PDB file of N, CA and C in Angstrom:
ATOM      1  N   MET A   1      -9.165 -16.688  -6.514  1.00  0.00           N
ATOM      2  CA  MET A   1      -8.677 -15.877  -7.592  1.00  0.00           C
ATOM      3  C   MET A   1      -7.956 -14.737  -6.943  1.00  0.00           C
ATOM      4  N   ILE A   2      -6.870 -14.264  -7.701  1.00  0.00           N
ATOM      5  CA  ILE A   2      -5.818 -13.372  -7.187  1.00  0.00           C
ATOM      6  C   ILE A   2      -6.057 -12.263  -8.309  1.00  0.00           C
ATOM      7  N   GLN A   3      -6.198 -10.903  -7.675  1.00  0.00           N
ATOM      8  CA  GLN A   3      -6.570  -9.752  -8.354  1.00  0.00           C
ATOM      9  C   GLN A   3      -5.567  -8.684  -8.198  1.00  0.00           C
ATOM     10  N   LEU A   4      -5.211  -7.698  -8.955  1.00  0.00           N
ATOM     11  CA  LEU A   4      -4.248  -6.759  -8.706  1.00  0.00           C
ATOM     12  C   LEU A   4      -4.952  -5.472  -8.980  1.00  0.00           C
ATOM     13  N   HIS A   5      -5.059  -4.552  -7.892  1.00  0.00           N
ATOM     14  CA  HIS A   5      -5.713  -3.175  -8.151  1.00  0.00           C
ATOM     15  C   HIS A   5      -4.694  -2.231  -8.057  1.00  0.00           C
ATOM     16  N   ARG A   6      -4.515  -1.604  -9.155  1.00  0.00           N
ATOM     17  CA  ARG A   6      -3.476  -0.358  -9.075  1.00  0.00           C
ATOM     18  C   ARG A   6      -4.133   0.949  -8.882  1.00  0.00           C
ATOM     19  N   TYR A   7      -3.363   1.764  -8.047  1.00  0.00           N
ATOM     20  CA  TYR A   7      -3.949   3.187  -7.777  1.00  0.00           C
ATOM     21  C   TYR A   7      -3.092   4.110  -8.372  1.00  0.00           C
ATOM     22  N   ILE A   8      -3.648   5.178  -8.741  1.00  0.00           N
ATOM     23  CA  ILE A   8      -3.285   6.222  -9.555  1.00  0.00           C
ATOM     24  C   ILE A   8      -2.955   7.389  -8.545  1.00  0.00           C
ATOM     25  N   GLU A   9      -3.988   7.681  -7.784  1.00  0.00           N
ATOM     26  CA  GLU A   9      -4.202   8.673  -7.029  1.00  0.00           C
ATOM     27  C   GLU A   9      -3.836   8.409  -5.516  1.00  0.00           C
ATOM     28  N   VAL A  10      -2.910   9.290  -4.780  1.00  0.00           N
ATOM     29  CA  VAL A  10      -2.335   9.046  -3.586  1.00  0.00           C
ATOM     30  C   VAL A  10      -3.418   9.035  -2.577  1.00  0.00           C
ATOM     31  N   GLN A  11      -4.205   9.911  -2.475  1.00  0.00           N
ATOM     32  CA  GLN A  11      -5.365  10.023  -1.573  1.00  0.00           C
ATOM     33  C   GLN A  11      -6.306   8.681  -1.355  1.00  0.00           C
ATOM     34  N   GLU A  12      -6.527   8.380  -2.746  1.00  0.00           N
ATOM     35  CA  GLU A  12      -7.388   7.141  -2.746  1.00  0.00           C
ATOM     36  C   GLU A  12      -6.605   5.768  -2.212  1.00  0.00           C
ATOM     37  N   PHE A  13      -5.251   5.787  -2.684  1.00  0.00           N
ATOM     38  CA  PHE A  13      -4.614   4.670  -1.949  1.00  0.00           C
ATOM     39  C   PHE A  13      -4.490   4.834  -0.384  1.00  0.00           C
ATOM     40  N   LYS A  14      -4.220   5.993   0.186  1.00  0.00           N
ATOM     41  CA  LYS A  14      -3.973   6.149   1.457  1.00  0.00           C
ATOM     42  C   LYS A  14      -5.425   5.747   2.229  1.00  0.00           C
ATOM     43  N   LYS A  15      -6.247   6.171   1.659  1.00  0.00           N
ATOM     44  CA  LYS A  15      -7.869   5.996   2.183  1.00  0.00           C
ATOM     45  C   LYS A  15      -7.870   4.529   2.457  1.00  0.00           C
ATOM     46  N   HIS A  16      -7.672   3.661   1.422  1.00  0.00           N
ATOM     47  CA  HIS A  16      -8.002   2.157   1.397  1.00  0.00           C
ATOM     48  C   HIS A  16      -6.957   1.230   2.119  1.00  0.00           C
ATOM     49  N   VAL A  17      -5.707   1.840   2.063  1.00  0.00           N
ATOM     50  CA  VAL A  17      -4.776   0.927   2.830  1.00  0.00           C
ATOM     51  C   VAL A  17      -4.260   1.215   3.997  1.00  0.00           C
ATOM     52  N   GLU A  18      -4.457   2.530   4.240  1.00  0.00           N
ATOM     53  CA  GLU A  18      -3.960   2.803   5.766  1.00  0.00           C
ATOM     54  C   GLU A  18      -4.785   2.127   6.706  1.00  0.00           C
ATOM     55  N   PRO A  19      -6.006   1.903   6.716  1.00  0.00           N
ATOM     56  CA  PRO A  19      -6.694   0.876   7.820  1.00  0.00           C
ATOM     57  C   PRO A  19      -6.112  -0.545   7.692  1.00  0.00           C
ATOM     58  N   LEU A  20      -5.717  -0.889   6.687  1.00  0.00           N
ATOM     59  CA  LEU A  20      -5.100  -2.307   6.610  1.00  0.00           C
ATOM     60  C   LEU A  20      -3.801  -2.350   7.512  1.00  0.00           C
ATOM     61  N   LEU A  21      -2.931  -1.445   7.055  1.00  0.00           N
ATOM     62  CA  LEU A  21      -1.538  -1.573   7.499  1.00  0.00           C
ATOM     63  C   LEU A  21      -1.624  -1.067   9.087  1.00  0.00           C
ATOM     64  N   ALA A  22      -2.658  -0.192   9.431  1.00  0.00           N
ATOM     65  CA  ALA A  22      -2.731   0.048  10.823  1.00  0.00           C
ATOM     66  C   ALA A  22      -3.280  -0.788  11.861  1.00  0.00           C
ATOM     67  N   LYS A  23      -3.533  -1.861  11.211  1.00  0.00           N
ATOM     68  CA  LYS A  23      -4.203  -3.257  11.930  1.00  0.00           C
ATOM     69  C   LYS A  23      -2.651  -3.779  12.909  1.00  0.00           C
ATOM     70  N   ASN A  24      -1.533  -3.580  12.117  1.00  0.00           N
ATOM     71  CA  ASN A  24      -0.617  -4.531  12.702  1.00  0.00           C
ATOM     72  C   ASN A  24       0.734  -3.216  12.555  1.00  0.00           C
ATOM     73  N   GLU A  25       0.402  -2.239  13.242  1.00  0.00           N
ATOM     74  CA  GLU A  25       1.436  -0.884  13.042  1.00  0.00           C
ATOM     75  C   GLU A  25       2.858  -1.207  13.097  1.00  0.00           C
ATOM     76  N   ILE A  26       3.181  -2.154  14.140  1.00  0.00           N
ATOM     77  CA  ILE A  26       4.632  -2.532  14.375  1.00  0.00           C
ATOM     78  C   ILE A  26       5.147  -3.290  13.124  1.00  0.00           C
ATOM     79  N   LEU A  27       4.509  -4.082  12.508  1.00  0.00           N
ATOM     80  CA  LEU A  27       4.816  -4.778  11.323  1.00  0.00           C
ATOM     81  C   LEU A  27       5.022  -4.000  10.121  1.00  0.00           C
ATOM     82  N   HIS A  28       4.064  -2.956   9.903  1.00  0.00           N
ATOM     83  CA  HIS A  28       3.966  -2.105   8.900  1.00  0.00           C
ATOM     84  C   HIS A  28       4.389  -0.689   9.116  1.00  0.00           C
ATOM     85  N   ASN A  29       5.419  -0.339   9.857  1.00  0.00           N
ATOM     86  CA  ASN A  29       5.726   0.932  10.465  1.00  0.00           C
ATOM     87  C   ASN A  29       6.516   1.540   9.135  1.00  0.00           C
ATOM     88  N   LEU A  30       7.034   0.848   8.310  1.00  0.00           N
ATOM     89  CA  LEU A  30       8.072   1.444   7.241  1.00  0.00           C
ATOM     90  C   LEU A  30       6.840   2.029   6.100  1.00  0.00           C
ATOM     91  N   ALA A  31       6.107   1.133   5.840  1.00  0.00           N
ATOM     92  CA  ALA A  31       4.907   1.458   4.771  1.00  0.00           C
ATOM     93  C   ALA A  31       4.064   2.776   5.297  1.00  0.00           C
ATOM     94  N   LEU A  32       3.674   2.574   6.580  1.00  0.00           N
ATOM     95  CA  LEU A  32       2.867   3.614   7.108  1.00  0.00           C
ATOM     96  C   LEU A  32       3.531   4.928   7.051  1.00  0.00           C
ATOM     97  N   GLY A  33       4.923   4.728   7.623  1.00  0.00           N
ATOM     98  CA  GLY A  33       5.909   6.312   7.603  1.00  0.00           C
ATOM     99  C   GLY A  33       5.705   6.883   6.193  1.00  0.00           C
ATOM    100  N   ILE A  34       6.063   5.875   5.156  1.00  0.00           N
ATOM    101  CA  ILE A  34       6.194   6.583   3.789  1.00  0.00           C
ATOM    102  C   ILE A  34       4.888   6.998   3.285  1.00  0.00           C
ATOM    103  N   LEU A  35       3.872   6.202   3.651  1.00  0.00           N
ATOM    104  CA  LEU A  35       2.485   6.727   3.312  1.00  0.00           C
ATOM    105  C   LEU A  35       2.115   7.940   3.895  1.00  0.00           C
ATOM    106  N   HIS A  36       2.396   8.126   5.097  1.00  0.00           N
ATOM    107  CA  HIS A  36       2.188   9.401   5.912  1.00  0.00           C
ATOM    108  C   HIS A  36       2.850  10.561   5.272  1.00  0.00           C
ATOM    109  N   SER A  37       4.098  10.293   4.766  1.00  0.00           N
ATOM    110  CA  SER A  37       4.884  11.567   4.226  1.00  0.00           C
ATOM    111  C   SER A  37       4.394  11.925   2.817  1.00  0.00           C
ATOM    112  N   LEU A  38       3.412  11.029   2.029  1.00  0.00           N
ATOM    113  CA  LEU A  38       3.124  11.235   0.778  1.00  0.00           C
ATOM    114  C   LEU A  38       2.194  12.279   0.672  1.00  0.00           C
ATOM    115  N   HIS A  39       2.167  13.413  -0.033  1.00  0.00           N
ATOM    116  CA  HIS A  39       1.387  14.331  -0.282  1.00  0.00           C
ATOM    117  C   HIS A  39       0.492  14.204  -1.505  1.00  0.00           C
ATOM    118  N   GLU A  40      -0.643  14.819  -1.735  1.00  0.00           N
ATOM    119  CA  GLU A  40      -1.649  14.715  -2.852  1.00  0.00           C
ATOM    120  C   GLU A  40      -0.849  14.847  -4.176  1.00  0.00           C
ATOM    121  N   SER A  41       0.317  15.687  -4.164  1.00  0.00           N
ATOM    122  CA  SER A  41       0.945  16.060  -5.325  1.00  0.00           C
ATOM    123  C   SER A  41       1.962  14.860  -5.534  1.00  0.00           C
ATOM    124  N   SER A  42       2.165  14.019  -4.619  1.00  0.00           N
ATOM    125  CA  SER A  42       3.403  12.935  -4.931  1.00  0.00           C
ATOM    126  C   SER A  42       3.074  12.166  -6.012  1.00  0.00           C
ATOM    127  N   LYS A  43       4.009  11.593  -6.703  1.00  0.00           N
ATOM    128  CA  LYS A  43       3.966  10.620  -7.514  1.00  0.00           C
ATOM    129  C   LYS A  43       4.803   9.342  -7.375  1.00  0.00           C
ATOM    130  N   PRO A  44       4.325   8.631  -6.427  1.00  0.00           N
ATOM    131  CA  PRO A  44       5.059   7.147  -6.416  1.00  0.00           C
ATOM    132  C   PRO A  44       5.027   6.456  -7.729  1.00  0.00           C
ATOM    133  N   ASN A  45       5.935   5.881  -7.930  1.00  0.00           N
ATOM    134  CA  ASN A  45       6.309   4.848  -9.172  1.00  0.00           C
ATOM    135  C   ASN A  45       4.993   3.838  -9.205  1.00  0.00           C
ATOM    136  N   PHE A  46       4.744   3.480  -7.925  1.00  0.00           N
ATOM    137  CA  PHE A  46       3.737   2.147  -8.235  1.00  0.00           C
ATOM    138  C   PHE A  46       3.022   2.112  -6.602  1.00  0.00           C
ATOM    139  N   MET A  47       1.643   2.094  -6.798  1.00  0.00           N
ATOM    140  CA  MET A  47       0.927   1.872  -5.557  1.00  0.00           C
ATOM    141  C   MET A  47      -0.199   0.818  -6.056  1.00  0.00           C
ATOM    142  N   GLY A  48      -0.273  -0.369  -5.141  1.00  0.00           N
ATOM    143  CA  GLY A  48      -1.273  -1.250  -5.631  1.00  0.00           C
ATOM    144  C   GLY A  48      -1.670  -2.202  -4.200  1.00  0.00           C
ATOM    145  N   VAL A  49      -2.645  -2.947  -4.504  1.00  0.00           N
ATOM    146  CA  VAL A  49      -3.168  -3.723  -3.634  1.00  0.00           C
ATOM    147  C   VAL A  49      -3.334  -5.233  -4.260  1.00  0.00           C
ATOM    148  N   ILE A  50      -2.934  -6.312  -3.874  1.00  0.00           N
ATOM    149  CA  ILE A  50      -3.109  -7.573  -4.292  1.00  0.00           C
ATOM    150  C   ILE A  50      -4.099  -8.291  -3.388  1.00  0.00           C
ATOM    151  N   PHE A  51      -5.491  -8.493  -4.135  1.00  0.00           N
ATOM    152  CA  PHE A  51      -6.439  -9.278  -3.507  1.00  0.00           C
ATOM    153  C   PHE A  51      -6.319 -10.822  -3.739  1.00  0.00           C
ATOM    154  N   LYS A  52      -6.696 -11.674  -2.704  1.00  0.00           N
ATOM    155  CA  LYS A  52      -6.844 -13.132  -2.804  1.00  0.00           C
ATOM    156  C   LYS A  52      -7.993 -13.530  -2.099  1.00  0.00           C
ATOM    157  N   ASP A  53      -9.217 -13.825  -2.884  1.00  0.00           N
ATOM    158  CA  ASP A  53     -10.303 -14.365  -2.901  1.00  0.00           C
ATOM    159  C   ASP A  53     -11.046 -13.003  -2.269  1.00  0.00           C
ATOM    160  N   ARG A  54     -10.969 -11.930  -2.861  1.00  0.00           N
ATOM    161  CA  ARG A  54     -11.574 -10.524  -2.469  1.00  0.00           C
ATOM    162  C   ARG A  54     -11.013  -9.991  -1.142  1.00  0.00           C
ATOM    163  N   CYS A  55     -10.024 -10.585  -0.697  1.00  0.00           N
ATOM    164  CA  CYS A  55      -9.519 -10.094   0.639  1.00  0.00           C
ATOM    165  C   CYS A  55      -8.073  -9.436   0.291  1.00  0.00           C
ATOM    166  N   ALA A  56      -7.608  -8.369   0.980  1.00  0.00           N
ATOM    167  CA  ALA A  56      -6.574  -7.697   0.828  1.00  0.00           C
ATOM    168  C   ALA A  56      -5.511  -8.500   0.960  1.00  0.00           C
ATOM    169  N   ALA A  57      -4.510  -8.969   0.376  1.00  0.00           N
ATOM    170  CA  ALA A  57      -3.299  -9.940   0.823  1.00  0.00           C
ATOM    171  C   ALA A  57      -2.021  -9.407   0.849  1.00  0.00           C
ATOM    172  N   LEU A  58      -1.754  -8.348   0.006  1.00  0.00           N
ATOM    173  CA  LEU A  58      -0.281  -7.592  -0.141  1.00  0.00           C
ATOM    174  C   LEU A  58      -0.470  -6.258  -0.668  1.00  0.00           C
ATOM    175  N   VAL A  59       0.097  -5.303   0.237  1.00  0.00           N
ATOM    176  CA  VAL A  59      -0.129  -3.929  -0.244  1.00  0.00           C
ATOM    177  C   VAL A  59       1.433  -3.660  -0.905  1.00  0.00           C
ATOM    178  N   LEU A  60       1.243  -2.966  -1.913  1.00  0.00           N
ATOM    179  CA  LEU A  60       2.829  -2.766  -2.788  1.00  0.00           C
ATOM    180  C   LEU A  60       2.811  -1.026  -2.900  1.00  0.00           C
ATOM    181  N   LEU A  61       4.242  -0.719  -2.591  1.00  0.00           N
ATOM    182  CA  LEU A  61       4.489   0.905  -2.518  1.00  0.00           C
ATOM    183  C   LEU A  61       5.725   0.931  -3.074  1.00  0.00           C
ATOM    184  N   GLN A  62       5.829   1.534  -4.005  1.00  0.00           N
ATOM    185  CA  GLN A  62       7.179   1.944  -4.740  1.00  0.00           C
ATOM    186  C   GLN A  62       7.502   3.351  -5.053  1.00  0.00           C
ATOM    187  N   THR A  63       8.230   3.810  -4.062  1.00  0.00           N
ATOM    188  CA  THR A  63       8.805   5.386  -4.497  1.00  0.00           C
ATOM    189  C   THR A  63      10.028   5.687  -5.024  1.00  0.00           C
ATOM    190  N   HIS A  64      10.895   4.577  -4.878  1.00  0.00           N
ATOM    191  CA  HIS A  64      12.106   4.617  -5.781  1.00  0.00           C
ATOM    192  C   HIS A  64      12.240   3.536  -6.697  1.00  0.00           C
ATOM    193  N   PRO A  65      12.825   3.912  -7.675  1.00  0.00           N
ATOM    194  CA  PRO A  65      12.938   3.152  -9.104  1.00  0.00           C
ATOM    195  C   PRO A  65      13.468   1.751  -8.972  1.00  0.00           C
ATOM    196  N   GLN A  66      14.276   1.272  -7.791  1.00  0.00           N
ATOM    197  CA  GLN A  66      14.799  -0.040  -7.692  1.00  0.00           C
ATOM    198  C   GLN A  66      14.383  -0.761  -6.512  1.00  0.00           C
ATOM    199  N   GLN A  67      13.306  -0.059  -5.793  1.00  0.00           N
ATOM    200  CA  GLN A  67      13.143  -0.558  -4.409  1.00  0.00           C
ATOM    201  C   GLN A  67      11.513  -0.562  -4.365  1.00  0.00           C
ATOM    202  N   ILE A  68      10.856  -1.765  -3.909  1.00  0.00           N
ATOM    203  CA  ILE A  68       9.232  -1.585  -3.499  1.00  0.00           C
ATOM    204  C   ILE A  68       9.160  -2.293  -1.990  1.00  0.00           C
ATOM    205  N   ILE A  69       8.158  -1.823  -1.414  1.00  0.00           N
ATOM    206  CA  ILE A  69       7.812  -2.061  -0.157  1.00  0.00           C
ATOM    207  C   ILE A  69       6.458  -3.136  -0.343  1.00  0.00           C
ATOM    208  N   LEU A  70       6.758  -4.246   0.266  1.00  0.00           N
ATOM    209  CA  LEU A  70       5.466  -5.226   0.259  1.00  0.00           C
ATOM    210  C   LEU A  70       5.289  -5.348   1.597  1.00  0.00           C
ATOM    211  N   SER A  71       3.771  -5.269   2.012  1.00  0.00           N
ATOM    212  CA  SER A  71       3.340  -5.591   3.150  1.00  0.00           C
ATOM    213  C   SER A  71       2.273  -6.458   3.102  1.00  0.00           C
ATOM    214  N   GLN A  72       2.508  -7.361   3.731  1.00  0.00           N
ATOM    215  CA  GLN A  72       1.485  -8.673   3.770  1.00  0.00           C
ATOM    216  C   GLN A  72       0.315  -8.518   4.680  1.00  0.00           C
ATOM    217  N   ILE A  73      -0.596  -8.469   4.358  1.00  0.00           N
ATOM    218  CA  ILE A  73      -1.839  -8.354   5.326  1.00  0.00           C
ATOM    219  C   ILE A  73      -2.326  -9.680   5.861  1.00  0.00           C
ATOM    220  N   GLN A  74      -2.237  -9.770   7.165  1.00  0.00           N
ATOM    221  CA  GLN A  74      -2.895 -11.012   7.861  1.00  0.00           C
ATOM    222  C   GLN A  74      -4.483 -10.831   8.192  1.00  0.00           C
ATOM    223  N   ASN A  75      -5.123 -11.742   7.543  1.00  0.00           N
ATOM    224  CA  ASN A  75      -6.569 -11.646   7.853  1.00  0.00           C
ATOM    225  C   ASN A  75      -7.232 -12.457   8.904  1.00  0.00           C
TER     226      ASN A  75
END
């Protein structure tokens, strides 16, 4: 089953996805860099995680209207 979890709060998103991205920092350095630059008052266009069979499979972060960063999580 595939599920999408959308985040509204930056701090909650950071808390959940930073450990996932940090497991392979070289692959996810763009997403991590942008994530670290976000502040509590930041309002990204979209923050979400796609789960496949209850395991995180893809992190989505959009801070620019026509660009989104997709980070595939290797389990």
